[in-house]
């Protein structure tokens, strides 16, 4: 009897991107491949059931409070070198927990949308504890050594330049596939903008700016001066999505209530229907997380990328700006001036939209599913050693 396929997806809750990619794969499999079982497990929660919330909080505080330190370490460990090797040797999971998960689920393929999970699977494979085919789905438009591990059988990457970067790690080309970052099905569809604006009680004709700071609401207060400025002649409607940051939501409601600005303001917390808010908007102001910018790109939504954190956000921003689909702003003053210019210059907005349309990848997660199911077990410690080296070019 042929064994039914089962994909185990290991994700991690440091930011929302890893989880969103995992959910996109899960959703696509259920819709297009009902013959395949799929389960998503939070790697951090599974391996550290009592500490993962503390670790997530500390990570977010570190990124928000000391972004320059984060950026410094990110750059120093991008390539395989002494420092990155040292970090990779720090086993941050419990082997018995991982083995019990594999024994319990008995997957035919393991997919990692979180680099720590890829490291754990590689450790198990290097030590001969499992041989299940393992796929890493990279969730940014850049490369970094923390995604690269010798036990990985296939890498699914966001764009061609990421593939070229991985080739410099001496990863065989047949193990790297450009699939785009997998996004959920609602972001791949088309919508009637006028009907959506009616649905949300918004004006059909006013320029509409969607403001998002990621799942943790990292931006917002910078818009008080923008909305209260006399320089913005055109009436605009702003939609603020604060994610899970309730304090930010309350503060914005106090500072930007409708009676305090002549512009229209809608403020919401975490929402499941972000695709509809993107589809009805003319511009999004956001942090350049890999999944958020991929969703916006799929919906042909021009982007203004605010103050990217040094590291993967900076790399994502550079890629989108290079495509001509986004504008990067580095501070509140620049945000105000650029926002005024884009709203006043409709041709600039149209050009950003056209560039987004022209540079779309096929990010439908069906392609990702196909590549996962075709993955073979290539890894052999005897042939490859326990580390891959980075060839400087």
Protein backbone atom coordinates (compact mmCIF):
# COMPACT_ATOMS: atom_id res chain seq x y z
CA UNK A 1 0.00 0.00 0.00
CA UNK A 2 1.32 3.46 -0.94
CA UNK A 3 1.88 5.62 2.12
CA UNK A 4 -0.16 8.84 2.23
CA UNK A 5 2.01 11.96 2.01
CA UNK A 6 2.31 14.10 5.13
CA UNK A 7 4.07 17.46 5.31
CA UNK A 8 5.20 18.76 8.69
CA UNK A 9 5.78 22.51 8.64
CA UNK A 10 8.02 23.95 11.36
CA UNK A 11 7.60 27.68 11.91
CA UNK A 12 8.55 30.20 14.59
CA UNK A 13 6.87 33.22 16.16
CA UNK A 14 9.66 35.78 15.87
CA UNK A 15 7.72 38.24 13.74
CA UNK A 16 4.68 37.17 11.73
CA UNK A 17 6.34 36.32 8.42
CA UNK A 18 7.40 32.76 9.25
CA UNK A 19 3.88 31.88 10.44
CA UNK A 20 2.21 33.56 7.45
CA UNK A 21 4.34 31.56 5.02
CA UNK A 22 3.48 28.36 6.87
CA UNK A 23 -0.24 29.17 6.75
CA UNK A 24 -0.03 29.92 3.03
CA UNK A 25 1.45 26.48 2.37
CA UNK A 26 -1.13 24.82 4.63
CA UNK A 27 -4.01 26.61 2.91
CA UNK A 28 -2.77 25.80 -0.59
CA UNK A 29 -2.30 22.13 0.26
CA UNK A 30 -5.79 21.80 1.70
CA UNK A 31 -7.34 23.45 -1.35
CA UNK A 32 -5.24 21.99 -4.17
CA UNK A 33 -3.84 18.77 -2.67
CA UNK A 34 -6.47 17.23 -0.38
CA UNK A 35 -4.64 13.92 -0.81
CA UNK A 36 -1.77 15.32 1.31
CA UNK A 37 -1.89 15.76 5.10
CA UNK A 38 -0.28 18.94 6.45
CA UNK A 39 0.43 19.98 10.02
CA UNK A 40 1.97 23.24 11.24
CA UNK A 41 3.98 23.25 14.48
CA UNK A 42 5.57 26.26 16.15
CA UNK A 43 9.16 25.08 16.56
CA UNK A 44 9.88 27.53 19.40
CA UNK A 45 6.75 26.59 21.32
CA UNK A 46 7.37 22.86 20.83
CA UNK A 47 11.02 22.87 21.87
CA UNK A 48 10.67 25.51 24.62
CA UNK A 49 7.06 25.28 25.84
CA UNK A 50 7.69 27.41 28.93
CA UNK A 51 10.14 29.95 27.55
CA UNK A 52 9.07 30.75 23.98
CA UNK A 53 6.86 33.71 24.94
CA UNK A 54 9.68 35.24 26.98
CA UNK A 55 12.12 34.70 24.13
CA UNK A 56 9.76 36.30 21.63
CA UNK A 57 9.24 39.33 23.87
CA UNK A 58 12.99 39.77 24.38
CA UNK A 59 13.62 39.49 20.65
CA UNK A 60 11.05 42.18 19.80
CA UNK A 61 12.41 44.51 22.49
CA UNK A 62 15.94 43.98 21.18
CA UNK A 63 14.98 44.74 17.59
CA UNK A 64 12.99 47.85 18.56
CA UNK A 65 15.44 49.22 21.13
CA UNK A 66 18.82 48.27 19.63
CA UNK A 67 18.35 47.94 15.87
CA UNK A 68 21.94 48.98 15.16
CA UNK A 69 23.27 46.12 17.29
CA UNK A 70 20.94 43.69 15.54
CA UNK A 71 22.11 45.02 12.17
CA UNK A 72 25.78 44.71 13.15
CA UNK A 73 25.40 41.05 14.15
CA UNK A 74 23.32 40.36 11.05
CA UNK A 75 26.04 41.71 8.77
CA UNK A 76 28.88 39.98 10.65
CA UNK A 77 27.15 36.59 10.38
CA UNK A 78 25.78 36.88 6.84
CA UNK A 79 28.57 34.74 5.38
CA UNK A 80 29.80 31.42 6.73
CA UNK A 81 32.66 32.51 8.99
CA UNK A 82 34.01 31.92 12.48
CA UNK A 83 31.25 33.97 14.14
CA UNK A 84 28.39 32.40 12.20
CA UNK A 85 29.81 28.91 12.81
CA UNK A 86 29.90 29.69 16.53
CA UNK A 87 26.23 30.66 16.54
CA UNK A 88 25.30 27.55 14.56
CA UNK A 89 27.03 25.32 17.10
CA UNK A 90 24.81 26.68 19.89
CA UNK A 91 22.13 23.99 19.96
CA UNK A 92 19.00 25.86 21.02
CA UNK A 93 16.56 22.94 21.09
CA UNK A 94 16.02 19.66 22.91
CA UNK A 95 16.89 16.68 20.73
CA UNK A 96 14.40 14.36 22.41
CA UNK A 97 11.56 16.83 21.79
CA UNK A 98 12.35 16.98 18.08
CA UNK A 99 12.66 13.21 17.79
CA UNK A 100 9.37 12.67 19.59
CA UNK A 101 7.68 15.12 17.20
CA UNK A 102 8.99 13.25 14.16
CA UNK A 103 8.00 9.92 15.66
CA UNK A 104 4.53 11.19 16.52
CA UNK A 105 3.78 12.84 13.16
CA UNK A 106 5.77 10.52 10.85
CA UNK A 107 6.10 13.11 8.08
CA UNK A 108 7.18 12.23 4.55
CA UNK A 109 8.60 15.77 4.19
CA UNK A 110 9.57 18.44 6.70
CA UNK A 111 9.33 22.11 5.71
CA UNK A 112 11.10 24.84 7.69
CA UNK A 113 9.90 28.44 7.38
CA UNK A 114 12.01 29.40 10.40
CA UNK A 115 15.83 29.22 10.35
CA UNK A 116 16.09 27.71 13.84
CA UNK A 117 13.96 24.78 12.71
CA UNK A 118 16.19 24.26 9.68
CA UNK A 119 19.19 24.16 12.01
CA UNK A 120 17.50 21.58 14.24
CA UNK A 121 16.59 19.31 11.34
CA UNK A 122 20.13 19.57 10.00
CA UNK A 123 21.55 18.59 13.40
CA UNK A 124 19.35 15.48 13.49
CA UNK A 125 20.31 14.49 9.96
CA UNK A 126 24.02 15.11 10.49
CA UNK A 127 23.89 12.80 13.48
CA UNK A 128 22.02 10.07 11.64
CA UNK A 129 18.84 10.45 13.70
CA UNK A 130 16.51 10.98 10.74
CA UNK A 131 16.61 10.98 6.95
CA UNK A 132 13.27 12.64 6.17
CA UNK A 133 13.54 15.01 3.15
CA UNK A 134 13.82 18.55 4.46
CA UNK A 135 12.89 21.77 2.66
CA UNK A 136 13.74 25.31 3.77
CA UNK A 137 11.42 28.11 2.63
CA UNK A 138 13.28 31.41 2.94
CA UNK A 139 10.93 34.27 3.85
CA UNK A 140 12.93 37.35 2.80
CA UNK A 141 14.43 38.75 -0.40
CA UNK A 142 17.94 38.13 0.81
CA UNK A 143 20.38 35.46 1.94
CA UNK A 144 21.97 34.79 5.31
CA UNK A 145 24.06 31.99 6.74
CA UNK A 146 21.50 31.27 9.46
CA UNK A 147 19.26 29.76 6.76
CA UNK A 148 22.03 27.56 5.33
CA UNK A 149 22.53 24.08 6.82
CA UNK A 150 24.06 20.89 5.38
CA UNK A 151 21.04 18.71 6.17
CA UNK A 152 18.71 20.73 3.92
CA UNK A 153 17.66 18.90 0.75
CA UNK A 154 16.01 21.82 -1.05
CA UNK A 155 15.84 25.61 -0.70
CA UNK A 156 12.80 27.53 -1.97
CA UNK A 157 13.79 31.17 -2.39
CA UNK A 158 12.13 34.48 -3.10
CA UNK A 159 13.94 35.67 -6.24
CA UNK A 160 16.72 34.92 -8.70
CA UNK A 161 19.29 37.08 -6.89
CA UNK A 162 18.75 35.00 -3.73
CA UNK A 163 19.39 31.83 -5.73
CA UNK A 164 22.64 33.31 -7.05
CA UNK A 165 23.69 34.15 -3.49
CA UNK A 166 23.04 30.57 -2.35
CA UNK A 167 25.12 29.23 -5.21
CA UNK A 168 28.05 31.10 -3.66
CA UNK A 169 27.58 28.91 -0.59
CA UNK A 170 28.38 26.01 -2.96
CA UNK A 171 24.87 24.62 -2.69
CA UNK A 172 24.16 22.49 -5.79
CA UNK A 173 21.92 24.36 -8.21
CA UNK A 174 19.39 21.52 -8.45
CA UNK A 175 18.60 22.03 -4.77
CA UNK A 176 17.58 25.68 -5.18
CA UNK A 177 14.23 26.66 -6.70
CA UNK A 178 12.91 30.20 -7.19
CA UNK A 179 9.26 29.97 -6.09
CA UNK A 180 8.71 33.43 -4.66
CA UNK A 181 7.65 33.77 -1.04
CA UNK A 182 4.42 31.78 -0.58
CA UNK A 183 1.43 34.00 0.15
CA UNK A 184 -2.13 33.09 1.05
CA UNK A 185 -4.68 32.62 -1.72
CA UNK A 186 -6.72 35.80 -1.03
CA UNK A 187 -3.69 37.91 -2.00
CA UNK A 188 -3.53 36.30 -5.45
CA UNK A 189 -7.09 37.26 -6.44
CA UNK A 190 -8.56 40.43 -7.98
CA UNK A 191 -11.08 42.68 -6.23
CA UNK A 192 -13.58 45.43 -6.99
CA UNK A 193 -12.06 48.45 -5.25
CA UNK A 194 -15.26 50.53 -5.31
CA UNK A 195 -17.33 47.76 -3.71
CA UNK A 196 -14.69 47.20 -1.02
CA UNK A 197 -14.64 50.90 -0.14
CA UNK A 198 -18.41 50.87 0.13
CA UNK A 199 -18.18 47.79 2.36
CA UNK A 200 -15.82 49.58 4.78
CA UNK A 201 -17.65 52.90 4.68
CA UNK A 202 -14.86 54.67 2.81
CA UNK A 203 -15.10 57.29 0.08
CA UNK A 204 -14.77 55.79 -3.40
CA UNK A 205 -12.77 58.70 -4.79
CA UNK A 206 -10.43 59.86 -2.01
CA UNK A 207 -6.77 58.73 -2.06
CA UNK A 208 -6.50 55.94 0.50
CA UNK A 209 -3.34 55.20 2.48
CA UNK A 210 -3.01 51.94 4.43
CA UNK A 211 -0.59 52.14 7.35
CA UNK A 212 0.77 48.89 8.80
CA UNK A 213 3.64 48.14 11.13
CA UNK A 214 3.59 44.38 10.99
CA UNK A 215 1.81 42.12 13.46
CA UNK A 216 3.30 44.02 16.40
CA UNK A 217 2.39 47.54 15.23
CA UNK A 218 5.85 49.08 15.03
CA UNK A 219 4.78 52.38 13.45
CA UNK A 220 1.99 54.88 13.95
CA UNK A 221 2.89 57.91 16.06
CA UNK A 222 4.77 59.55 13.16
CA UNK A 223 1.46 60.25 11.39
CA UNK A 224 0.13 62.77 13.88
CA UNK A 225 2.11 65.61 12.27
CA UNK A 226 1.20 64.38 8.78
CA UNK A 227 -2.54 64.39 9.41
CA UNK A 228 -2.49 67.73 11.21
CA UNK A 229 -0.33 69.41 8.57
CA UNK A 230 -1.79 72.21 6.44
CA UNK A 231 0.53 71.14 3.61
CA UNK A 232 -1.69 68.19 2.70
CA UNK A 233 -4.27 69.97 0.55
CA UNK A 234 -5.94 66.83 -0.82
CA UNK A 235 -8.37 65.14 1.55
CA UNK A 236 -7.04 61.64 2.26
CA UNK A 237 -8.44 58.64 4.09
CA UNK A 238 -6.00 56.73 6.26
CA UNK A 239 -6.48 53.14 7.44
CA UNK A 240 -4.26 52.17 10.39
CA UNK A 241 -3.73 48.49 11.19
CA UNK A 242 -2.09 48.21 14.62
CA UNK A 243 -1.79 44.46 14.72
CA UNK A 244 -1.64 43.07 18.23
CA UNK A 245 -0.40 46.33 19.71
CA UNK A 246 -3.46 47.42 21.73
CA UNK A 247 -1.59 50.32 23.35
CA UNK A 248 -0.78 51.74 19.92
CA UNK A 249 -4.40 51.35 18.84
CA UNK A 250 -5.66 53.21 21.92
CA UNK A 251 -3.10 55.99 21.50
CA UNK A 252 -3.97 56.50 17.84
CA UNK A 253 -7.68 56.61 18.67
CA UNK A 254 -6.94 59.33 21.22
CA UNK A 255 -4.56 61.33 19.00
CA UNK A 256 -6.10 60.87 15.57
CA UNK A 257 -9.81 60.74 16.25
CA UNK A 258 -12.02 62.07 13.47
CA UNK A 259 -12.67 65.31 15.34
CA UNK A 260 -8.92 66.07 15.47
CA UNK A 261 -8.17 65.97 11.75
CA UNK A 262 -9.98 66.95 8.56
CA UNK A 263 -8.87 63.69 6.97
CA UNK A 264 -10.74 60.42 7.34
CA UNK A 265 -9.16 57.96 9.78
CA UNK A 266 -10.02 54.31 10.36
CA UNK A 267 -8.12 52.46 13.11
CA UNK A 268 -8.18 48.71 13.66
CA UNK A 269 -6.21 46.09 15.55
CA UNK A 270 -5.27 42.63 14.29
CA UNK A 271 -7.39 41.67 11.27
CA UNK A 272 -7.74 38.61 9.09
CA UNK A 273 -8.93 40.55 6.04
CA UNK A 274 -5.73 42.49 5.31
CA UNK A 275 -6.04 41.50 1.64
CA UNK A 276 -9.23 43.54 1.36
CA UNK A 277 -7.64 46.58 3.00
CA UNK A 278 -4.69 46.31 0.61
CA UNK A 279 -6.98 45.90 -2.39
CA UNK A 280 -8.96 49.06 -1.60
CA UNK A 281 -5.86 51.21 -0.94
CA UNK A 282 -3.76 53.39 -3.24
CA UNK A 283 -0.59 53.19 -1.13
CA UNK A 284 0.71 51.21 1.82
CA UNK A 285 3.13 52.59 4.40
CA UNK A 286 4.73 49.68 6.20
CA UNK A 287 7.78 47.98 7.58
CA UNK A 288 9.37 45.87 4.82
CA UNK A 289 8.79 42.38 6.15
CA UNK A 290 9.17 39.72 3.47
CA UNK A 291 5.57 38.51 3.59
CA UNK A 292 3.94 41.93 3.79
CA UNK A 293 5.79 43.30 0.78
CA UNK A 294 5.09 40.09 -1.17
CA UNK A 295 1.37 40.43 -0.47
CA UNK A 296 1.42 44.08 -1.54
CA UNK A 297 3.38 43.24 -4.69
CA UNK A 298 0.84 40.55 -5.63
CA UNK A 299 -1.99 43.08 -5.29
CA UNK A 300 -0.04 45.70 -7.30
CA UNK A 301 -0.07 48.05 -4.31
CA UNK A 302 2.61 50.80 -4.30
CA UNK A 303 4.72 50.78 -1.13
CA UNK A 304 6.34 53.35 1.10
CA UNK A 305 8.79 51.44 3.30
CA UNK A 306 9.36 53.18 6.59
CA UNK A 307 12.62 53.07 8.48
CA UNK A 308 13.69 49.48 7.70
CA UNK A 309 15.58 47.76 10.48
CA UNK A 310 19.21 46.99 9.54
CA UNK A 311 19.31 43.42 8.32
CA UNK A 312 16.69 41.58 6.30
CA UNK A 313 14.28 44.53 6.31
CA UNK A 314 16.94 46.76 4.78
CA UNK A 315 17.66 44.11 2.14
CA UNK A 316 13.95 43.71 1.37
CA UNK A 317 13.59 47.47 0.99
CA UNK A 318 16.57 47.69 -1.36
CA UNK A 319 15.08 44.95 -3.55
CA UNK A 320 11.63 46.59 -3.79
CA UNK A 321 13.08 50.06 -4.41
CA UNK A 322 15.27 48.52 -7.12
CA UNK A 323 12.15 47.15 -8.79
CA UNK A 324 10.64 50.63 -8.77
CA UNK A 325 7.64 49.37 -6.78
CA UNK A 326 8.47 51.14 -3.51
CA UNK A 327 9.91 54.26 -1.95
CA UNK A 328 12.08 54.03 1.16
CA UNK A 329 11.82 56.69 3.87
CA UNK A 330 14.31 56.82 6.73
CA UNK A 331 12.70 59.15 9.28
CA UNK A 332 9.48 60.98 10.20
CA UNK A 333 10.44 64.15 8.34
CA UNK A 334 11.15 62.22 5.14
CA UNK A 335 7.95 60.27 5.62
CA UNK A 336 5.93 63.48 5.65
CA UNK A 337 7.59 65.02 2.59
CA UNK A 338 7.45 61.81 0.52
CA UNK A 339 3.85 61.14 1.45
CA UNK A 340 2.84 64.66 0.42
CA UNK A 341 4.66 64.24 -2.89
CA UNK A 342 3.15 60.85 -3.74
CA UNK A 343 -0.39 61.97 -2.94
CA UNK A 344 0.03 65.15 -4.98
CA UNK A 345 1.71 63.35 -7.89
CA UNK A 346 -0.73 60.77 -9.18
CA UNK A 347 1.59 59.88 -12.08
CA UNK A 348 4.26 58.79 -9.59
CA UNK A 349 1.72 56.59 -7.84
CA UNK A 350 0.68 55.10 -11.18
CA UNK A 351 4.30 54.35 -12.07
CA UNK A 352 4.88 52.57 -8.75
CA UNK A 353 1.76 50.49 -9.38
CA UNK A 354 2.85 49.61 -12.90
CA UNK A 355 6.30 48.57 -11.69
CA UNK A 356 4.72 46.35 -9.06
CA UNK A 357 2.57 44.72 -11.74
CA UNK A 358 5.53 44.23 -14.09
CA UNK A 359 7.75 42.58 -11.47
CA UNK A 360 5.38 40.09 -9.91
CA UNK A 361 6.59 36.57 -9.30
CA UNK A 362 4.25 33.62 -9.37
CA UNK A 363 3.91 33.45 -5.60
CA UNK A 364 0.91 31.17 -5.62
CA UNK A 365 1.75 28.60 -2.93
CA UNK A 366 0.73 25.77 -5.28
CA UNK A 367 4.20 25.98 -6.84
CA UNK A 368 5.74 25.74 -3.39
CA UNK A 369 3.66 22.63 -2.61
CA UNK A 370 4.77 20.95 -5.85
CA UNK A 371 8.44 21.61 -5.11
CA UNK A 372 8.07 20.28 -1.57
CA UNK A 373 6.46 17.03 -2.71
CA UNK A 374 9.13 16.49 -5.35
CA UNK A 375 11.99 16.84 -2.86
CA UNK A 376 14.33 13.89 -2.53
CA UNK A 377 16.66 12.97 0.30
CA UNK A 378 20.06 14.10 -1.02
CA UNK A 379 22.02 14.66 2.17
CA UNK A 380 24.98 12.46 3.00
CA UNK A 381 27.31 13.51 5.87
CA UNK A 382 30.08 11.32 4.49
CA UNK A 383 30.02 13.15 1.17
CA UNK A 384 29.31 16.70 2.32
CA UNK A 385 30.87 17.07 5.74
CA UNK A 386 29.13 18.88 8.54
CA UNK A 387 29.44 22.42 7.21
CA UNK A 388 29.16 24.22 3.90
CA UNK A 389 31.72 26.88 3.12
CA UNK A 390 31.05 30.26 1.60
CA UNK A 391 33.06 31.13 -1.48
CA UNK A 392 33.82 34.85 -1.65
CA UNK A 393 33.38 36.30 -5.12
